[in-house]
């Protein structure tokens, strides 16, 4: 192959794992919205520089914009080489892309190839990758057989998925990919949700590594996980799949939720802010009473009431309506929330899958 090479994503995809680096030369905000999994960000133009060059292009001329853009790009590429690439061997093979495979990735690819590295530019850039992901997510979910883990809030669905994954099962943990626990109180205090595009990239990256010959375990999510929408084709396949009904005593459910939502226990003000979202469903009087309980440290009583008055009724209203095979679900009861209890349950599911 002659370098620098310009290749379409369909040709690159089978050998994506063979590249020593995937370099996204778009600006920081473009990269943060979404990027090819595993890519590193080496902006040829950062956010402010991109605005400056774009303004020159619109208000002055393309020639003036290209002069300034080339000067900035050369300095930035030089800095990336100095700080990131100087120690790379001659056979180091990077894949480079920008928004649509134009000047930004072309400049980086040309310079790296001139040095002697076998640099490859993605034809069509991120847009080509994004088109591929969209097309794949319309069809890829149908290749797999799913086992949907159902259960009321606090029954241990997420912990069971985590243990199944550690035992080598194929697990599509949508809540982990979405950085959200899937309920109105499900925001993670230490991690913001990804963008919709990034969420879809994470789903695509996970599914493409699975074998169609093995079951994929997934939780009985609604169409949205926090602010993010589950792709339609995946949602339809999940809702038509066989189910497992996971049960746990109310005492253990409360205990599990107290552990998983420890940030609310230590900072009830955060919980009280979230509880305001339930006013339309339960009325201000009840919400104020729940907020008072949170502030006064009556967390176990509050969690019990939330389960009885909010979460359990909502679950029972939706599960049979949305998951067609729930009435024929396999049943699994946990007698504890210890690691051993979830390990035993996961081994049993793997044996019966």
Protein backbone atom coordinates (compact mmCIF):
# COMPACT_ATOMS: atom_id res chain seq x y z
CA UNK A 1 0.00 0.00 0.00
CA UNK A 2 1.24 3.48 -0.85
CA UNK A 3 1.24 5.99 1.98
CA UNK A 4 -0.39 8.27 2.84
CA UNK A 5 -3.43 6.10 2.12
CA UNK A 6 -7.05 7.29 1.93
CA UNK A 7 -9.46 4.46 2.78
CA UNK A 8 -13.25 4.25 3.33
CA UNK A 9 -14.58 3.14 6.72
CA UNK A 10 -16.00 -0.13 5.35
CA UNK A 11 -12.51 -1.14 4.29
CA UNK A 12 -10.87 0.09 7.49
CA UNK A 13 -13.33 -1.51 9.95
CA UNK A 14 -12.07 -5.13 9.69
CA UNK A 15 -8.54 -3.95 10.46
CA UNK A 16 -9.43 -1.23 12.97
CA UNK A 17 -7.73 -3.18 15.74
CA UNK A 18 -4.49 -3.30 13.77
CA UNK A 19 -3.86 0.45 13.97
CA UNK A 20 -1.43 1.51 16.67
CA UNK A 21 -3.39 4.73 17.21
CA UNK A 22 -6.65 6.24 16.06
CA UNK A 23 -6.18 10.00 15.95
CA UNK A 24 -9.16 12.34 15.94
CA UNK A 25 -7.88 15.76 14.83
CA UNK A 26 -11.18 17.59 15.33
CA UNK A 27 -11.64 20.18 18.07
CA UNK A 28 -12.17 19.26 21.70
CA UNK A 29 -15.94 19.87 21.62
CA UNK A 30 -16.38 17.77 18.47
CA UNK A 31 -14.41 14.94 20.07
CA UNK A 32 -16.39 15.20 23.33
CA UNK A 33 -19.70 14.83 21.48
CA UNK A 34 -18.63 11.51 19.97
CA UNK A 35 -15.64 9.78 18.42
CA UNK A 36 -14.49 6.43 17.12
CA UNK A 37 -14.00 4.14 20.15
CA UNK A 38 -10.38 4.15 21.28
CA UNK A 39 -9.48 7.39 19.50
CA UNK A 40 -7.24 10.03 21.04
CA UNK A 41 -7.85 13.74 20.48
CA UNK A 42 -5.07 15.74 18.78
CA UNK A 43 -6.79 18.89 17.50
CA UNK A 44 -5.33 20.43 14.38
CA UNK A 45 -7.53 23.43 15.22
CA UNK A 46 -8.93 23.80 18.72
CA UNK A 47 -12.42 25.20 19.35
CA UNK A 48 -11.38 28.86 19.39
CA UNK A 49 -9.04 28.48 16.43
CA UNK A 50 -11.75 26.77 14.42
CA UNK A 51 -14.12 29.68 15.09
CA UNK A 52 -11.42 32.16 14.06
CA UNK A 53 -10.67 30.39 10.77
CA UNK A 54 -14.37 29.87 10.03
CA UNK A 55 -15.08 33.56 10.60
CA UNK A 56 -12.27 34.54 8.22
CA UNK A 57 -13.67 32.15 5.62
CA UNK A 58 -17.13 33.71 5.82
CA UNK A 59 -16.23 37.36 6.29
CA UNK A 60 -12.98 37.75 4.32
CA UNK A 61 -12.06 34.97 1.89
CA UNK A 62 -11.19 31.30 1.70
CA UNK A 63 -7.60 32.26 0.80
CA UNK A 64 -7.08 34.30 3.98
CA UNK A 65 -8.74 31.59 6.06
CA UNK A 66 -6.48 28.89 4.57
CA UNK A 67 -3.32 30.94 5.23
CA UNK A 68 -4.17 31.45 8.87
CA UNK A 69 -5.51 27.91 9.25
CA UNK A 70 -2.35 26.39 7.76
CA UNK A 71 -0.12 28.39 10.09
CA UNK A 72 -2.10 27.33 13.17
CA UNK A 73 -2.38 23.71 12.01
CA UNK A 74 1.37 23.46 11.39
CA UNK A 75 2.14 24.64 14.92
CA UNK A 76 -0.40 22.29 16.46
CA UNK A 77 0.75 19.27 14.47
CA UNK A 78 4.36 20.05 15.43
CA UNK A 79 3.36 20.14 19.10
CA UNK A 80 1.55 16.80 18.84
CA UNK A 81 4.62 15.23 17.22
CA UNK A 82 6.90 16.66 19.90
CA UNK A 83 4.74 15.60 22.83
CA UNK A 84 3.13 12.36 21.64
CA UNK A 85 4.81 10.78 18.64
CA UNK A 86 8.58 11.31 18.74
CA UNK A 87 9.18 7.96 20.42
CA UNK A 88 7.13 5.96 17.89
CA UNK A 89 8.99 3.39 15.75
CA UNK A 90 9.08 3.46 11.96
CA UNK A 91 6.30 0.86 11.61
CA UNK A 92 3.90 2.75 13.92
CA UNK A 93 0.64 2.88 11.98
CA UNK A 94 -1.91 5.60 12.82
CA UNK A 95 -5.42 6.09 11.46
CA UNK A 96 -6.32 9.77 11.21
CA UNK A 97 -9.70 11.38 10.74
CA UNK A 98 -11.52 14.71 11.01
CA UNK A 99 -15.14 15.73 10.37
CA UNK A 100 -15.37 14.70 6.71
CA UNK A 101 -11.88 13.63 5.68
CA UNK A 102 -10.74 17.05 4.52
CA UNK A 103 -7.93 19.47 5.25
CA UNK A 104 -7.48 18.84 8.96
CA UNK A 105 -6.91 15.09 8.74
CA UNK A 106 -5.22 15.49 5.35
CA UNK A 107 -2.61 17.83 6.83
CA UNK A 108 -1.78 15.54 9.75
CA UNK A 109 -1.71 12.44 7.54
CA UNK A 110 0.56 14.09 4.95
CA UNK A 111 3.13 15.22 7.53
CA UNK A 112 3.22 11.89 9.39
CA UNK A 113 3.58 10.02 6.10
CA UNK A 114 6.40 12.35 5.00
CA UNK A 115 8.22 11.45 8.21
CA UNK A 116 7.96 7.81 7.16
CA UNK A 117 5.10 6.42 9.21
CA UNK A 118 2.43 4.38 7.31
CA UNK A 119 -0.33 6.88 8.06
CA UNK A 120 -3.87 6.24 6.84
CA UNK A 121 -6.58 8.88 6.47
CA UNK A 122 -10.25 7.93 6.89
CA UNK A 123 -12.10 8.85 3.71
CA UNK A 124 -15.27 10.72 4.67
CA UNK A 125 -14.02 11.25 8.23
CA UNK A 126 -16.26 11.06 11.28
CA UNK A 127 -19.36 11.48 9.10
CA UNK A 128 -18.59 8.19 7.35
CA UNK A 129 -18.12 6.48 10.72
CA UNK A 130 -21.39 7.93 11.99
CA UNK A 131 -23.31 6.77 8.92
CA UNK A 132 -21.94 3.28 9.48
CA UNK A 133 -23.00 3.26 13.15
CA UNK A 134 -26.51 4.43 12.26
CA UNK A 135 -26.87 1.72 9.63
CA UNK A 136 -25.47 -0.95 11.94
CA UNK A 137 -27.74 -0.06 14.87
CA UNK A 138 -30.76 -0.53 12.61
CA UNK A 139 -29.70 -4.11 11.86
CA UNK A 140 -27.03 -5.34 14.30
CA UNK A 141 -29.35 -5.93 17.32
CA UNK A 142 -31.39 -8.47 15.34
CA UNK A 143 -28.38 -10.82 15.07
CA UNK A 144 -28.50 -11.75 18.75
CA UNK A 145 -30.64 -13.70 21.20
CA UNK A 146 -31.32 -11.78 24.40
CA UNK A 147 -32.21 -12.73 27.94
CA UNK A 148 -33.92 -9.77 29.60
CA UNK A 149 -33.33 -9.44 33.35
CA UNK A 150 -36.54 -8.07 34.86
CA UNK A 151 -37.28 -7.12 38.44
CA UNK A 152 -38.52 -4.35 40.66
CA UNK A 153 -36.23 -1.50 41.68
CA UNK A 154 -33.57 -2.73 44.10
CA UNK A 155 -33.85 -6.39 43.14
CA UNK A 156 -30.21 -6.51 42.03
CA UNK A 157 -30.51 -6.48 38.24
CA UNK A 158 -27.41 -4.35 37.70
CA UNK A 159 -25.34 -6.33 40.18
CA UNK A 160 -26.36 -9.56 38.48
CA UNK A 161 -25.35 -8.18 35.08
CA UNK A 162 -21.98 -7.13 36.49
CA UNK A 163 -21.39 -10.58 37.95
CA UNK A 164 -22.46 -12.25 34.69
CA UNK A 165 -19.94 -10.10 32.82
CA UNK A 166 -17.18 -11.07 35.26
CA UNK A 167 -18.06 -14.73 34.65
CA UNK A 168 -17.53 -14.28 30.91
CA UNK A 169 -21.13 -13.79 29.77
CA UNK A 170 -22.09 -11.42 26.97
CA UNK A 171 -23.66 -8.47 28.81
CA UNK A 172 -25.13 -5.31 27.32
CA UNK A 173 -25.26 -3.06 30.38
CA UNK A 174 -27.19 -0.07 29.05
CA UNK A 175 -27.17 1.76 32.37
CA UNK A 176 -23.39 1.56 32.57
CA UNK A 177 -23.06 2.71 28.96
CA UNK A 178 -25.49 5.58 29.66
CA UNK A 179 -23.90 6.49 33.02
CA UNK A 180 -27.34 6.43 34.64
CA UNK A 181 -29.29 4.03 36.83
CA UNK A 182 -32.42 4.36 34.75
CA UNK A 183 -34.83 6.04 37.13
CA UNK A 184 -35.76 9.59 38.08
CA UNK A 185 -33.20 9.31 40.90
CA UNK A 186 -30.63 7.59 38.72
CA UNK A 187 -28.10 10.34 37.97
CA UNK A 188 -24.56 9.32 38.92
CA UNK A 189 -22.93 11.97 41.12
CA UNK A 190 -19.43 11.38 39.72
CA UNK A 191 -20.19 11.00 36.01
CA UNK A 192 -22.24 12.98 33.52
CA UNK A 193 -24.23 11.14 30.89
CA UNK A 194 -22.61 10.89 27.45
CA UNK A 195 -24.23 12.49 24.42
CA UNK A 196 -26.78 10.51 22.42
CA UNK A 197 -24.24 9.91 19.65
CA UNK A 198 -21.62 8.71 22.13
CA UNK A 199 -24.17 6.40 23.79
CA UNK A 200 -24.94 4.86 20.41
CA UNK A 201 -21.23 4.44 19.69
CA UNK A 202 -20.83 2.60 22.99
CA UNK A 203 -23.72 0.28 22.17
CA UNK A 204 -22.33 -0.39 18.67
CA UNK A 205 -18.84 -1.05 20.02
CA UNK A 206 -20.21 -3.51 22.60
CA UNK A 207 -22.51 -5.42 20.24
CA UNK A 208 -19.94 -5.75 17.45
CA UNK A 209 -17.68 -7.73 19.79
CA UNK A 210 -20.37 -10.28 20.66
CA UNK A 211 -20.89 -13.72 19.14
CA UNK A 212 -24.38 -14.37 17.70
CA UNK A 213 -24.09 -17.93 19.00
CA UNK A 214 -24.21 -16.87 22.66
CA UNK A 215 -27.00 -15.25 24.66
CA UNK A 216 -26.76 -11.53 25.43
CA UNK A 217 -27.96 -10.57 28.91
CA UNK A 218 -29.61 -7.15 29.21
CA UNK A 219 -31.77 -5.31 31.75
CA UNK A 220 -35.45 -4.50 31.14
CA UNK A 221 -34.93 -0.83 30.40
CA UNK A 222 -37.51 1.65 29.22
CA UNK A 223 -37.02 3.50 25.93
CA UNK A 224 -34.94 6.12 27.71
CA UNK A 225 -32.09 5.72 30.20
CA UNK A 226 -31.94 9.11 31.83
CA UNK A 227 -31.83 11.58 28.95
CA UNK A 228 -30.68 9.02 26.38
CA UNK A 229 -32.83 7.03 23.98
CA UNK A 230 -32.22 3.34 23.37
CA UNK A 231 -32.03 2.67 19.60
CA UNK A 232 -35.40 1.52 18.23
CA UNK A 233 -34.20 -1.74 16.69
CA UNK A 234 -32.55 -2.80 19.95
CA UNK A 235 -35.60 -1.83 22.00
CA UNK A 236 -37.92 -3.82 19.74
CA UNK A 237 -35.69 -6.90 19.93
CA UNK A 238 -35.39 -6.67 23.72
CA UNK A 239 -39.14 -6.36 24.21
CA UNK A 240 -39.77 -9.50 22.16
CA UNK A 241 -37.11 -11.55 24.00
CA UNK A 242 -37.35 -14.14 26.76
CA UNK A 243 -37.29 -12.80 30.30
CA UNK A 244 -35.92 -13.64 33.72
CA UNK A 245 -37.88 -12.37 36.73
CA UNK A 246 -35.46 -11.58 39.54
CA UNK A 247 -36.92 -11.25 43.05
CA UNK A 248 -35.49 -10.17 46.38
CA UNK A 249 -37.10 -9.51 49.75
CA UNK A 250 -38.15 -5.94 50.45
CA UNK A 251 -35.72 -5.75 53.38
CA UNK A 252 -32.81 -6.69 51.13
CA UNK A 253 -34.00 -4.37 48.38
CA UNK A 254 -33.93 -1.44 50.79
CA UNK A 255 -30.47 -2.50 51.99
CA UNK A 256 -29.18 -2.76 48.41
CA UNK A 257 -30.56 0.64 47.45
CA UNK A 258 -29.01 2.23 50.54
CA UNK A 259 -25.66 0.88 49.36
CA UNK A 260 -26.07 1.81 45.69
CA UNK A 261 -27.40 5.29 46.43
CA UNK A 262 -25.04 6.09 49.31
CA UNK A 263 -24.50 9.58 47.88
CA UNK A 264 -28.12 10.40 48.72
CA UNK A 265 -27.62 9.16 52.27
CA UNK A 266 -24.57 11.35 52.80
CA UNK A 267 -26.04 14.36 51.00
CA UNK A 268 -29.86 14.37 51.30
CA UNK A 269 -30.06 17.81 49.65
CA UNK A 270 -29.20 16.17 46.31
CA UNK A 271 -31.98 13.62 46.84
CA UNK A 272 -34.46 16.33 47.75
CA UNK A 273 -33.74 18.18 44.53
CA UNK A 274 -34.44 15.01 42.57
CA UNK A 275 -37.62 14.31 44.52
CA UNK A 276 -39.06 17.56 43.20
CA UNK A 277 -39.39 15.74 39.84
CA UNK A 278 -42.08 13.54 41.38
CA UNK A 279 -44.42 16.35 42.45
CA UNK A 280 -46.64 15.94 39.39
CA UNK A 281 -47.10 12.25 40.19
CA UNK A 282 -47.51 12.33 43.97
CA UNK A 283 -48.43 15.89 44.90
CA UNK A 284 -46.45 18.50 46.77
CA UNK A 285 -47.61 17.43 50.23
CA UNK A 286 -46.21 13.90 49.91
CA UNK A 287 -42.98 15.10 48.33
CA UNK A 288 -42.40 17.64 51.12
CA UNK A 289 -42.96 14.85 53.66
CA UNK A 290 -40.43 12.63 51.85
CA UNK A 291 -37.94 15.50 51.70
CA UNK A 292 -38.36 16.05 55.44
CA UNK A 293 -37.66 12.36 56.04
CA UNK A 294 -34.49 12.58 53.93
CA UNK A 295 -33.26 15.66 55.78
CA UNK A 296 -33.92 14.08 59.18
CA UNK A 297 -32.05 10.86 58.32
CA UNK A 298 -35.07 8.54 58.01
CA UNK A 299 -33.62 7.03 54.86
CA UNK A 300 -34.70 3.42 55.31
CA UNK A 301 -38.30 4.44 55.89
CA UNK A 302 -38.15 6.81 52.93
CA UNK A 303 -36.70 4.17 50.60
CA UNK A 304 -39.41 1.72 51.68
CA UNK A 305 -42.14 4.26 50.91
CA UNK A 306 -40.61 5.12 47.56
CA UNK A 307 -40.66 1.44 46.63
CA UNK A 308 -44.24 0.86 47.78
CA UNK A 309 -45.77 4.12 46.52
CA UNK A 310 -43.72 4.91 43.41
CA UNK A 311 -41.37 2.32 41.97
CA UNK A 312 -43.29 -0.92 42.42
CA UNK A 313 -46.61 0.34 41.02
CA UNK A 314 -44.80 1.87 38.02
CA UNK A 315 -42.94 -1.38 37.38
CA UNK A 316 -46.08 -3.53 37.58
CA UNK A 317 -47.93 -1.19 35.21
CA UNK A 318 -45.24 -1.32 32.57
CA UNK A 319 -43.48 -4.68 32.60
CA UNK A 320 -46.14 -6.93 31.06
CA UNK A 321 -47.25 -4.20 28.67
CA UNK A 322 -43.75 -3.63 27.33
CA UNK A 323 -42.16 -7.10 27.49
CA UNK A 324 -44.38 -9.52 25.62
CA UNK A 325 -42.87 -12.71 27.08
CA UNK A 326 -42.74 -11.64 30.72
CA UNK A 327 -45.70 -13.83 31.64
CA UNK A 328 -43.56 -16.85 30.70
CA UNK A 329 -40.48 -15.53 32.50
CA UNK A 330 -37.99 -17.78 34.22
CA UNK A 331 -38.02 -17.02 37.97
CA UNK A 332 -34.96 -16.55 40.14
CA UNK A 333 -35.12 -15.56 43.80
CA UNK A 334 -32.09 -14.24 45.64
CA UNK A 335 -31.89 -14.84 49.37
CA UNK A 336 -29.17 -12.27 50.02
CA UNK A 337 -27.23 -9.42 48.39
CA UNK A 338 -23.76 -10.78 49.08
CA UNK A 339 -21.23 -11.21 46.31
CA UNK A 340 -21.55 -14.97 46.70
CA UNK A 341 -25.32 -14.81 46.20
CA UNK A 342 -24.90 -13.00 42.88
CA UNK A 343 -22.07 -15.30 41.82
CA UNK A 344 -24.24 -18.36 42.47
CA UNK A 345 -27.11 -16.78 40.52
CA UNK A 346 -24.89 -15.88 37.57
CA UNK A 347 -23.41 -19.38 37.37
CA UNK A 348 -26.91 -20.85 37.42
CA UNK A 349 -28.01 -18.56 34.56
CA UNK A 350 -24.97 -19.43 32.48
CA UNK A 351 -25.69 -23.12 32.93
CA UNK A 352 -29.32 -22.74 31.91
CA UNK A 353 -28.92 -20.13 29.15
